[in-house]
Amino acid sequence: MRSKSLRWKTAAALGALLFALNIGSVAAQPAKAPSAPEKAEFVPESGQPGKDVVWVPTAQGLVNKLLDMARLTASDIHYDLGSGDGRTVITAAKRGARAYGIEYNPDMVALSRRNAAKEGVSERATFEQADIFQSDFSRATVITLFLLPSLNVKLRPTILNMKAGTRVAANSFDMGDWKPDQTARVEGDCQSWCTAYLWIVPAKVGGSWKSGNGELTLKQEYQVITGTLGSSDKTLAISNGKLDGERISFSVGSVQYSGRVNGDVIEGISTTGATKSPWNATRGK
């Protein structure tokens, strides 16, 4: 009986020693710091302040209308200035265009990239955190905007120096005295800010041109042109003068002129009744 008791006491003592050692080992380990709470995913709120304007989402119906008016195709390079949550850029990318958004708010940029990934257009939709007034968007063939009129006017000189034919579509706000080429209203899902404007950057044609019909003198105010055509003994005023990007048209008396501006040369057709004749003009040096 004594040997059994001794063995039991020895085993109990050994167990107590191991337990004590294990407790000591656990106590010696540094306590784990509590994990930081995950940052909530950014969700924009209509009316939230931004650098130059508050953010208000554009209704999808109006986004579609802006891109329809701009005749956006897969061959276009599209820039959205102040791209917000990215919906206009993503829609353009879905239509096959190479689309870019410039947005000052980094949270909006991150949200736009997530939205583009969800829609499967990340390869064609690119978002940059930048100031639109410090950015180069000169290669755009289509520009979209939802900015205040004062900001549109501030951008206007840059836009007017872009390639003739560049299409500019804006939500609700105009370009001051540069009148739009088209205006449209959208209903359906659009409850506010539902007017779409379109401008087409006109070629620069102001000045004197030499033509087979005499000297053509043009005065240009955006896409509207006035002036005269003639020689020293007879000069007539032109009427209905209009530019549509590189395309020019005007009338002189009963003759209608139409053509395309290519730098310092205009080539086109003059029409008198049923008679059509080639017509061209070269800018005076």
C-alpha atoms as a PDB file:
ATOM      1  CA  MET A   1       0.000   0.000   0.000  1.00  0.00           C
ATOM      2  CA  ARG A   2       2.871   2.370   0.812  1.00  0.00           C
ATOM      3  CA  SER A   3       4.438   1.957  -2.683  1.00  0.00           C
ATOM      4  CA  LYS A   4       1.118   2.681  -4.400  1.00  0.00           C
ATOM      5  CA  SER A   5       0.632   5.748  -2.246  1.00  0.00           C
ATOM      6  CA  LEU A   6       4.136   6.927  -3.077  1.00  0.00           C
ATOM      7  CA  ARG A   7       3.595   6.433  -6.775  1.00  0.00           C
ATOM      8  CA  TRP A   8       0.331   8.376  -6.639  1.00  0.00           C
ATOM      9  CA  LYS A   9       1.922  11.232  -4.742  1.00  0.00           C
ATOM     10  CA  THR A  10       4.837  11.323  -7.204  1.00  0.00           C
ATOM     11  CA  ALA A  11       2.471  11.416 -10.228  1.00  0.00           C
ATOM     12  CA  ALA A  12       0.354  14.103  -8.594  1.00  0.00           C
ATOM     13  CA  ALA A  13       3.406  16.201  -7.854  1.00  0.00           C
ATOM     14  CA  LEU A  14       4.667  15.806 -11.434  1.00  0.00           C
ATOM     15  CA  GLY A  15       1.251  16.794 -12.818  1.00  0.00           C
ATOM     16  CA  ALA A  16       1.156  19.861 -10.594  1.00  0.00           C
ATOM     17  CA  LEU A  17       4.634  20.840 -11.764  1.00  0.00           C
ATOM     18  CA  LEU A  18       3.703  20.518 -15.453  1.00  0.00           C
ATOM     19  CA  PHE A  19       0.504  22.503 -14.901  1.00  0.00           C
ATOM     20  CA  ALA A  20       2.459  25.258 -13.189  1.00  0.00           C
ATOM     21  CA  LEU A  21       5.010  25.338 -16.001  1.00  0.00           C
ATOM     22  CA  ASN A  22       2.238  25.549 -18.645  1.00  0.00           C
ATOM     23  CA  ILE A  23       0.511  28.410 -16.823  1.00  0.00           C
ATOM     24  CA  GLY A  24       3.821  30.222 -16.589  1.00  0.00           C
ATOM     25  CA  SER A  25       4.441  29.768 -20.299  1.00  0.00           C
ATOM     26  CA  VAL A  26       1.039  31.164 -21.183  1.00  0.00           C
ATOM     27  CA  ALA A  27       1.517  34.078 -18.808  1.00  0.00           C
ATOM     28  CA  ALA A  28       4.899  34.846 -20.354  1.00  0.00           C
ATOM     29  CA  GLN A  29       3.436  35.306 -23.885  1.00  0.00           C
ATOM     30  CA  PRO A  30       2.676  38.939 -24.795  1.00  0.00           C
ATOM     31  CA  ALA A  31      -1.006  39.757 -24.964  1.00  0.00           C
ATOM     32  CA  LYS A  32      -2.352  40.235 -28.520  1.00  0.00           C
ATOM     33  CA  ALA A  33      -3.341  43.780 -29.331  1.00  0.00           C
ATOM     34  CA  PRO A  34      -7.005  44.136 -30.250  1.00  0.00           C
ATOM     35  CA  SER A  35      -7.460  44.311 -34.027  1.00  0.00           C
ATOM     36  CA  ALA A  36      -8.398  47.699 -35.436  1.00  0.00           C
ATOM     37  CA  PRO A  37     -11.998  47.940 -36.647  1.00  0.00           C
ATOM     38  CA  GLU A  38     -12.355  47.693 -40.435  1.00  0.00           C
ATOM     39  CA  LYS A  39     -12.883  51.033 -42.157  1.00  0.00           C
ATOM     40  CA  ALA A  40     -16.421  51.332 -43.451  1.00  0.00           C
ATOM     41  CA  GLU A  41     -16.699  51.426 -47.250  1.00  0.00           C
ATOM     42  CA  PHE A  42     -17.195  54.969 -48.498  1.00  0.00           C
ATOM     43  CA  VAL A  43     -20.758  55.767 -49.550  1.00  0.00           C
ATOM     44  CA  PRO A  44     -21.265  59.205 -51.152  1.00  0.00           C
ATOM     45  CA  GLU A  45     -24.189  61.405 -50.151  1.00  0.00           C
ATOM     46  CA  SER A  46     -25.980  63.726 -52.545  1.00  0.00           C
ATOM     47  CA  GLY A  47     -25.053  67.289 -51.728  1.00  0.00           C
ATOM     48  CA  GLN A  48     -21.753  66.473 -50.069  1.00  0.00           C
ATOM     49  CA  PRO A  49     -19.172  69.268 -50.516  1.00  0.00           C
ATOM     50  CA  GLY A  50     -16.336  68.967 -53.022  1.00  0.00           C
ATOM     51  CA  LYS A  51     -13.439  71.121 -54.187  1.00  0.00           C
ATOM     52  CA  ASP A  52     -15.434  73.326 -56.559  1.00  0.00           C
ATOM     53  CA  VAL A  53     -19.022  72.037 -56.369  1.00  0.00           C
ATOM     54  CA  VAL A  54     -21.205  69.803 -54.235  1.00  0.00           C
ATOM     55  CA  TRP A  55     -21.701  66.288 -55.568  1.00  0.00           C
ATOM     56  CA  VAL A  56     -25.101  65.358 -56.955  1.00  0.00           C
ATOM     57  CA  PRO A  57     -25.507  62.075 -58.862  1.00  0.00           C
ATOM     58  CA  THR A  58     -26.540  62.281 -62.514  1.00  0.00           C
ATOM     59  CA  ALA A  59     -29.606  60.190 -63.335  1.00  0.00           C
ATOM     60  CA  GLN A  60     -28.722  57.258 -65.575  1.00  0.00           C
ATOM     61  CA  GLY A  61     -31.266  58.407 -68.151  1.00  0.00           C
ATOM     62  CA  LEU A  62     -29.468  61.735 -68.467  1.00  0.00           C
ATOM     63  CA  VAL A  63     -26.077  59.995 -68.666  1.00  0.00           C
ATOM     64  CA  ASN A  64     -27.429  57.999 -71.598  1.00  0.00           C
ATOM     65  CA  LYS A  65     -28.803  61.133 -73.249  1.00  0.00           C
ATOM     66  CA  LEU A  66     -25.513  63.031 -72.919  1.00  0.00           C
ATOM     67  CA  LEU A  67     -23.593  60.212 -74.601  1.00  0.00           C
ATOM     68  CA  ASP A  68     -26.284  59.789 -77.269  1.00  0.00           C
ATOM     69  CA  MET A  69     -26.173  63.502 -78.139  1.00  0.00           C
ATOM     70  CA  ALA A  70     -22.375  63.324 -78.314  1.00  0.00           C
ATOM     71  CA  ARG A  71     -22.708  60.342 -80.698  1.00  0.00           C
ATOM     72  CA  LEU A  72     -20.168  58.430 -78.623  1.00  0.00           C
ATOM     73  CA  THR A  73     -18.834  55.254 -80.269  1.00  0.00           C
ATOM     74  CA  ALA A  74     -16.180  52.661 -79.542  1.00  0.00           C
ATOM     75  CA  SER A  75     -13.651  54.737 -81.505  1.00  0.00           C
ATOM     76  CA  ASP A  76     -13.966  57.722 -79.151  1.00  0.00           C
ATOM     77  CA  ILE A  77     -11.762  58.865 -76.279  1.00  0.00           C
ATOM     78  CA  HIS A  78     -14.054  60.123 -73.544  1.00  0.00           C
ATOM     79  CA  TYR A  79     -13.201  62.328 -70.556  1.00  0.00           C
ATOM     80  CA  ASP A  80     -15.602  63.131 -67.724  1.00  0.00           C
ATOM     81  CA  LEU A  81     -14.424  66.226 -65.839  1.00  0.00           C
ATOM     82  CA  GLY A  82     -15.449  65.847 -62.209  1.00  0.00           C
ATOM     83  CA  SER A  83     -16.373  62.180 -62.567  1.00  0.00           C
ATOM     84  CA  GLY A  84     -17.916  61.617 -59.117  1.00  0.00           C
ATOM     85  CA  ASP A  85     -18.986  57.996 -58.613  1.00  0.00           C
ATOM     86  CA  GLY A  86     -17.863  57.112 -62.145  1.00  0.00           C
ATOM     87  CA  ARG A  87     -21.223  56.279 -63.684  1.00  0.00           C
ATOM     88  CA  THR A  88     -20.747  58.369 -66.849  1.00  0.00           C
ATOM     89  CA  VAL A  89     -17.264  56.949 -67.465  1.00  0.00           C
ATOM     90  CA  ILE A  90     -18.501  53.403 -66.833  1.00  0.00           C
ATOM     91  CA  THR A  91     -21.422  53.883 -69.236  1.00  0.00           C
ATOM     92  CA  ALA A  92     -19.056  55.194 -71.927  1.00  0.00           C
ATOM     93  CA  ALA A  93     -16.752  52.224 -71.361  1.00  0.00           C
ATOM     94  CA  LYS A  94     -19.695  49.840 -71.697  1.00  0.00           C
ATOM     95  CA  ARG A  95     -20.291  51.372 -75.133  1.00  0.00           C
ATOM     96  CA  GLY A  96     -16.739  50.428 -76.060  1.00  0.00           C
ATOM     97  CA  ALA A  97     -15.056  53.831 -75.726  1.00  0.00           C
ATOM     98  CA  ARG A  98     -11.769  54.378 -73.930  1.00  0.00           C
ATOM     99  CA  ALA A  99     -13.094  56.432 -71.001  1.00  0.00           C
ATOM    100  CA  TYR A 100     -11.331  58.509 -68.349  1.00  0.00           C
ATOM    101  CA  GLY A 101     -12.601  60.210 -65.222  1.00  0.00           C
ATOM    102  CA  ILE A 102     -10.840  63.100 -63.479  1.00  0.00           C
ATOM    103  CA  GLU A 103     -12.003  63.542 -59.881  1.00  0.00           C
ATOM    104  CA  TYR A 104     -10.486  65.492 -56.989  1.00  0.00           C
ATOM    105  CA  ASN A 105     -11.976  63.421 -54.124  1.00  0.00           C
ATOM    106  CA  PRO A 106      -9.792  60.304 -53.568  1.00  0.00           C
ATOM    107  CA  ASP A 107     -12.683  58.418 -51.930  1.00  0.00           C
ATOM    108  CA  MET A 108     -14.765  58.978 -55.049  1.00  0.00           C
ATOM    109  CA  VAL A 109     -11.895  57.767 -57.220  1.00  0.00           C
ATOM    110  CA  ALA A 110     -11.593  54.558 -55.179  1.00  0.00           C
ATOM    111  CA  LEU A 111     -15.371  54.060 -55.340  1.00  0.00           C
ATOM    112  CA  SER A 112     -15.348  54.578 -59.119  1.00  0.00           C
ATOM    113  CA  ARG A 113     -12.632  51.966 -59.558  1.00  0.00           C
ATOM    114  CA  ARG A 114     -14.633  49.469 -57.475  1.00  0.00           C
ATOM    115  CA  ASN A 115     -17.754  50.221 -59.509  1.00  0.00           C
ATOM    116  CA  ALA A 116     -15.857  49.773 -62.782  1.00  0.00           C
ATOM    117  CA  ALA A 117     -14.520  46.416 -61.563  1.00  0.00           C
ATOM    118  CA  LYS A 118     -18.046  45.276 -60.626  1.00  0.00           C
ATOM    119  CA  GLU A 119     -19.256  46.212 -64.112  1.00  0.00           C
ATOM    120  CA  GLY A 120     -16.336  44.451 -65.786  1.00  0.00           C
ATOM    121  CA  VAL A 121     -14.949  47.540 -67.563  1.00  0.00           C
ATOM    122  CA  SER A 122     -11.783  48.267 -65.594  1.00  0.00           C
ATOM    123  CA  GLU A 123      -9.647  47.833 -68.718  1.00  0.00           C
ATOM    124  CA  ARG A 124     -11.493  50.649 -70.531  1.00  0.00           C
ATOM    125  CA  ALA A 125     -12.460  52.884 -67.585  1.00  0.00           C
ATOM    126  CA  THR A 126      -9.601  54.781 -65.937  1.00  0.00           C
ATOM    127  CA  PHE A 127      -9.934  57.150 -62.994  1.00  0.00           C
ATOM    128  CA  GLU A 128      -7.400  59.752 -61.893  1.00  0.00           C
ATOM    129  CA  GLN A 129      -7.346  61.761 -58.673  1.00  0.00           C
ATOM    130  CA  ALA A 130      -6.535  65.265 -59.958  1.00  0.00           C
ATOM    131  CA  ASP A 131      -7.680  68.852 -60.394  1.00  0.00           C
ATOM    132  CA  ILE A 132      -9.513  69.261 -63.705  1.00  0.00           C
ATOM    133  CA  PHE A 133      -7.960  72.707 -64.149  1.00  0.00           C
ATOM    134  CA  GLN A 134      -4.476  71.214 -63.897  1.00  0.00           C
ATOM    135  CA  SER A 135      -5.151  68.155 -66.069  1.00  0.00           C
ATOM    136  CA  ASP A 136      -4.449  67.430 -69.732  1.00  0.00           C
ATOM    137  CA  PHE A 137      -7.530  66.114 -71.538  1.00  0.00           C
ATOM    138  CA  SER A 138      -6.514  67.437 -74.969  1.00  0.00           C
ATOM    139  CA  ARG A 139      -6.819  64.050 -76.685  1.00  0.00           C
ATOM    140  CA  ALA A 140     -10.510  63.718 -75.830  1.00  0.00           C
ATOM    141  CA  THR A 141     -13.003  63.443 -78.671  1.00  0.00           C
ATOM    142  CA  VAL A 142     -15.940  63.565 -76.231  1.00  0.00           C
ATOM    143  CA  ILE A 143     -16.103  65.519 -72.955  1.00  0.00           C
ATOM    144  CA  THR A 144     -18.872  65.376 -70.358  1.00  0.00           C
ATOM    145  CA  LEU A 145     -19.456  67.860 -67.528  1.00  0.00           C
ATOM    146  CA  PHE A 146     -21.733  68.509 -64.563  1.00  0.00           C
ATOM    147  CA  LEU A 147     -20.223  71.732 -63.261  1.00  0.00           C
ATOM    148  CA  LEU A 148     -21.448  75.223 -62.431  1.00  0.00           C
ATOM    149  CA  PRO A 149     -21.642  77.764 -65.289  1.00  0.00           C
ATOM    150  CA  SER A 150     -18.689  79.727 -63.906  1.00  0.00           C
ATOM    151  CA  LEU A 151     -16.539  76.599 -64.034  1.00  0.00           C
ATOM    152  CA  ASN A 152     -17.728  75.742 -67.542  1.00  0.00           C
ATOM    153  CA  VAL A 153     -16.758  79.251 -68.651  1.00  0.00           C
ATOM    154  CA  LYS A 154     -13.380  78.881 -66.946  1.00  0.00           C
ATOM    155  CA  LEU A 155     -12.793  75.697 -68.961  1.00  0.00           C
ATOM    156  CA  ARG A 156     -14.137  77.221 -72.180  1.00  0.00           C
ATOM    157  CA  PRO A 157     -10.858  78.638 -73.571  1.00  0.00           C
ATOM    158  CA  THR A 158      -9.157  75.267 -73.140  1.00  0.00           C
ATOM    159  CA  ILE A 159     -12.047  73.462 -74.802  1.00  0.00           C
ATOM    160  CA  LEU A 160     -12.222  75.905 -77.728  1.00  0.00           C
ATOM    161  CA  ASN A 161      -8.527  75.247 -78.424  1.00  0.00           C
ATOM    162  CA  MET A 162      -9.177  71.524 -78.797  1.00  0.00           C
ATOM    163  CA  LYS A 163      -9.502  69.792 -82.144  1.00  0.00           C
ATOM    164  CA  ALA A 164     -12.466  70.968 -84.201  1.00  0.00           C
ATOM    165  CA  GLY A 165     -15.291  68.454 -83.951  1.00  0.00           C
ATOM    166  CA  THR A 166     -14.705  67.570 -80.295  1.00  0.00           C
ATOM    167  CA  ARG A 167     -18.139  67.071 -78.705  1.00  0.00           C
ATOM    168  CA  VAL A 168     -18.897  68.547 -75.286  1.00  0.00           C
ATOM    169  CA  ALA A 169     -22.014  67.423 -73.406  1.00  0.00           C
ATOM    170  CA  ALA A 170     -23.063  69.024 -70.118  1.00  0.00           C
ATOM    171  CA  ASN A 171     -25.700  68.369 -67.509  1.00  0.00           C
ATOM    172  CA  SER A 172     -27.946  71.391 -66.812  1.00  0.00           C
ATOM    173  CA  PHE A 173     -25.378  74.223 -66.919  1.00  0.00           C
ATOM    174  CA  ASP A 174     -24.369  76.227 -69.984  1.00  0.00           C
ATOM    175  CA  MET A 175     -21.186  77.829 -71.339  1.00  0.00           C
ATOM    176  CA  GLY A 176     -22.171  81.472 -71.023  1.00  0.00           C
ATOM    177  CA  ASP A 177     -22.459  83.213 -74.388  1.00  0.00           C
ATOM    178  CA  TRP A 178     -21.281  80.115 -76.274  1.00  0.00           C
ATOM    179  CA  LYS A 179     -24.750  78.875 -77.183  1.00  0.00           C
ATOM    180  CA  PRO A 180     -25.277  75.090 -77.361  1.00  0.00           C
ATOM    181  CA  ASP A 181     -25.720  73.321 -80.682  1.00  0.00           C
ATOM    182  CA  GLN A 182     -28.378  71.066 -79.151  1.00  0.00           C
ATOM    183  CA  THR A 183     -30.555  71.069 -76.046  1.00  0.00           C
ATOM    184  CA  ALA A 184     -32.719  68.216 -74.752  1.00  0.00           C
ATOM    185  CA  ARG A 185     -34.810  67.367 -71.703  1.00  0.00           C
ATOM    186  CA  VAL A 186     -34.934  63.929 -70.095  1.00  0.00           C
ATOM    187  CA  GLU A 187     -37.867  62.483 -68.150  1.00  0.00           C
ATOM    188  CA  GLY A 188     -38.209  58.971 -66.722  1.00  0.00           C
ATOM    189  CA  ASP A 189     -35.751  58.319 -63.888  1.00  0.00           C
ATOM    190  CA  CYS A 190     -34.580  61.965 -63.889  1.00  0.00           C
ATOM    191  CA  GLN A 191     -36.310  64.067 -61.249  1.00  0.00           C
ATOM    192  CA  SER A 192     -33.938  67.042 -61.097  1.00  0.00           C
ATOM    193  CA  TRP A 193     -31.041  68.397 -63.186  1.00  0.00           C
ATOM    194  CA  CYS A 194     -32.532  66.883 -66.329  1.00  0.00           C
ATOM    195  CA  THR A 195     -31.360  69.160 -69.163  1.00  0.00           C
ATOM    196  CA  ALA A 196     -28.642  68.027 -71.568  1.00  0.00           C
ATOM    197  CA  TYR A 197     -26.575  70.466 -73.631  1.00  0.00           C
ATOM    198  CA  LEU A 198     -24.228  69.731 -76.528  1.00  0.00           C
ATOM    199  CA  TRP A 199     -21.516  71.897 -78.070  1.00  0.00           C
ATOM    200  CA  ILE A 200     -19.257  70.969 -80.980  1.00  0.00           C
ATOM    201  CA  VAL A 201     -15.868  72.683 -80.979  1.00  0.00           C
ATOM    202  CA  PRO A 202     -15.787  74.806 -84.160  1.00  0.00           C
ATOM    203  CA  ALA A 203     -12.846  75.190 -86.515  1.00  0.00           C
ATOM    204  CA  LYS A 204     -11.130  78.578 -86.405  1.00  0.00           C
ATOM    205  CA  VAL A 205     -12.004  80.450 -89.607  1.00  0.00           C
ATOM    206  CA  GLY A 206     -11.914  84.144 -88.724  1.00  0.00           C
ATOM    207  CA  GLY A 207      -9.930  86.287 -91.180  1.00  0.00           C
ATOM    208  CA  SER A 208      -9.411  86.589 -94.924  1.00  0.00           C
ATOM    209  CA  TRP A 209      -9.549  83.764 -97.469  1.00  0.00           C
ATOM    210  CA  LYS A 210      -8.779  83.731-101.179  1.00  0.00           C
ATOM    211  CA  SER A 211     -11.208  81.870-103.422  1.00  0.00           C
ATOM    212  CA  GLY A 212     -12.053  81.601-107.124  1.00  0.00           C
ATOM    213  CA  ASN A 213     -15.135  83.720-106.433  1.00  0.00           C
ATOM    214  CA  GLY A 214     -13.213  86.537-104.790  1.00  0.00           C
ATOM    215  CA  GLU A 215     -12.005  87.388-101.335  1.00  0.00           C
ATOM    216  CA  LEU A 216     -13.911  85.781 -98.459  1.00  0.00           C
ATOM    217  CA  THR A 217     -13.755  87.716 -95.204  1.00  0.00           C
ATOM    218  CA  LEU A 218     -15.107  85.873 -92.164  1.00  0.00           C
ATOM    219  CA  LYS A 219     -15.919  87.015 -88.678  1.00  0.00           C
ATOM    220  CA  GLN A 220     -16.471  84.208 -86.177  1.00  0.00           C
ATOM    221  CA  GLU A 221     -18.353  84.084 -82.903  1.00  0.00           C
ATOM    222  CA  TYR A 222     -18.042  80.476 -81.754  1.00  0.00           C
ATOM    223  CA  GLN A 223     -20.005  78.422 -84.339  1.00  0.00           C
ATOM    224  CA  VAL A 224     -21.706  81.430 -85.957  1.00  0.00           C
ATOM    225  CA  ILE A 225     -19.985  83.191 -88.875  1.00  0.00           C
ATOM    226  CA  THR A 226     -20.695  86.428 -90.712  1.00  0.00           C
ATOM    227  CA  GLY A 227     -18.744  88.273 -93.398  1.00  0.00           C
ATOM    228  CA  THR A 228     -18.517  89.123 -97.074  1.00  0.00           C
ATOM    229  CA  LEU A 229     -17.507  87.590-100.389  1.00  0.00           C
ATOM    230  CA  GLY A 230     -16.512  89.533-103.462  1.00  0.00           C
ATOM    231  CA  SER A 231     -14.040  91.663-105.316  1.00  0.00           C
ATOM    232  CA  SER A 232     -13.266  95.353-105.470  1.00  0.00           C
ATOM    233  CA  ASP A 233     -16.250  96.064-107.725  1.00  0.00           C
ATOM    234  CA  LYS A 234     -18.865  93.873-106.037  1.00  0.00           C
ATOM    235  CA  THR A 235     -19.046  92.607-102.468  1.00  0.00           C
ATOM    236  CA  LEU A 236     -21.970  90.682-100.972  1.00  0.00           C
ATOM    237  CA  ALA A 237     -22.742  89.805 -97.380  1.00  0.00           C
ATOM    238  CA  ILE A 238     -22.906  86.168 -96.420  1.00  0.00           C
ATOM    239  CA  SER A 239     -25.912  84.788 -94.539  1.00  0.00           C
ATOM    240  CA  ASN A 240     -26.809  81.673 -92.570  1.00  0.00           C
ATOM    241  CA  GLY A 241     -23.130  81.158 -91.711  1.00  0.00           C
ATOM    242  CA  LYS A 242     -22.583  78.121 -89.508  1.00  0.00           C
ATOM    243  CA  LEU A 243     -19.774  75.855 -88.323  1.00  0.00           C
ATOM    244  CA  ASP A 244     -20.336  72.275 -87.248  1.00  0.00           C
ATOM    245  CA  GLY A 245     -16.875  71.266 -86.135  1.00  0.00           C
ATOM    246  CA  GLU A 246     -14.835  71.262 -89.356  1.00  0.00           C
ATOM    247  CA  ARG A 247     -17.900  71.615 -91.580  1.00  0.00           C
ATOM    248  CA  ILE A 248     -18.729  75.123 -92.806  1.00  0.00           C
ATOM    249  CA  SER A 249     -21.818  76.407 -94.603  1.00  0.00           C
ATOM    250  CA  PHE A 250     -23.118  79.815 -95.665  1.00  0.00           C
ATOM    251  CA  SER A 251     -25.037  81.525 -98.438  1.00  0.00           C
ATOM    252  CA  VAL A 252     -24.183  84.465-100.673  1.00  0.00           C
ATOM    253  CA  GLY A 253     -27.244  85.633-102.539  1.00  0.00           C
ATOM    254  CA  SER A 254     -28.760  82.582-104.228  1.00  0.00           C
ATOM    255  CA  VAL A 255     -25.558  80.523-103.969  1.00  0.00           C
ATOM    256  CA  GLN A 256     -25.078  78.073-101.112  1.00  0.00           C
ATOM    257  CA  TYR A 257     -21.573  77.121-100.042  1.00  0.00           C
ATOM    258  CA  SER A 258     -20.616  74.071 -97.986  1.00  0.00           C
ATOM    259  CA  GLY A 259     -17.269  72.494 -97.263  1.00  0.00           C
ATOM    260  CA  ARG A 260     -14.763  71.206 -94.770  1.00  0.00           C
ATOM    261  CA  VAL A 261     -12.055  73.258 -93.083  1.00  0.00           C
ATOM    262  CA  ASN A 262      -8.628  71.631 -93.036  1.00  0.00           C
ATOM    263  CA  GLY A 263      -6.210  74.058 -91.442  1.00  0.00           C
ATOM    264  CA  ASP A 264      -5.682  76.870 -93.944  1.00  0.00           C
ATOM    265  CA  VAL A 265      -7.768  75.309 -96.712  1.00  0.00           C
ATOM    266  CA  ILE A 266     -11.511  74.962 -97.251  1.00  0.00           C
ATOM    267  CA  GLU A 267     -12.736  72.525 -99.871  1.00  0.00           C
ATOM    268  CA  GLY A 268     -16.358  71.978-100.762  1.00  0.00           C
ATOM    269  CA  ILE A 269     -19.264  72.547-103.103  1.00  0.00           C
ATOM    270  CA  SER A 270     -21.158  75.649-104.238  1.00  0.00           C
ATOM    271  CA  THR A 271     -24.783  75.081-105.210  1.00  0.00           C
ATOM    272  CA  THR A 272     -26.904  77.309-107.441  1.00  0.00           C
ATOM    273  CA  GLY A 273     -30.313  75.791-108.049  1.00  0.00           C
ATOM    274  CA  ALA A 274     -29.619  72.312-109.416  1.00  0.00           C
ATOM    275  CA  THR A 275     -26.028  73.143-110.394  1.00  0.00           C
ATOM    276  CA  LYS A 276     -23.187  72.037-108.129  1.00  0.00           C
ATOM    277  CA  SER A 277     -19.574  73.109-108.587  1.00  0.00           C
ATOM    278  CA  PRO A 278     -16.345  72.477-106.682  1.00  0.00           C
ATOM    279  CA  TRP A 279     -15.295  75.351-104.475  1.00  0.00           C
ATOM    280  CA  ASN A 280     -12.227  76.037-102.362  1.00  0.00           C
ATOM    281  CA  ALA A 281     -10.570  78.824-100.420  1.00  0.00           C
ATOM    282  CA  THR A 282      -7.108  79.374 -98.944  1.00  0.00           C
ATOM    283  CA  ARG A 283      -6.436  81.419 -95.839  1.00  0.00           C
ATOM    284  CA  GLY A 284      -4.629  84.688 -96.562  1.00  0.00           C
ATOM    285  CA  LYS A 285      -1.125  85.081 -95.157  1.00  0.00           C
END
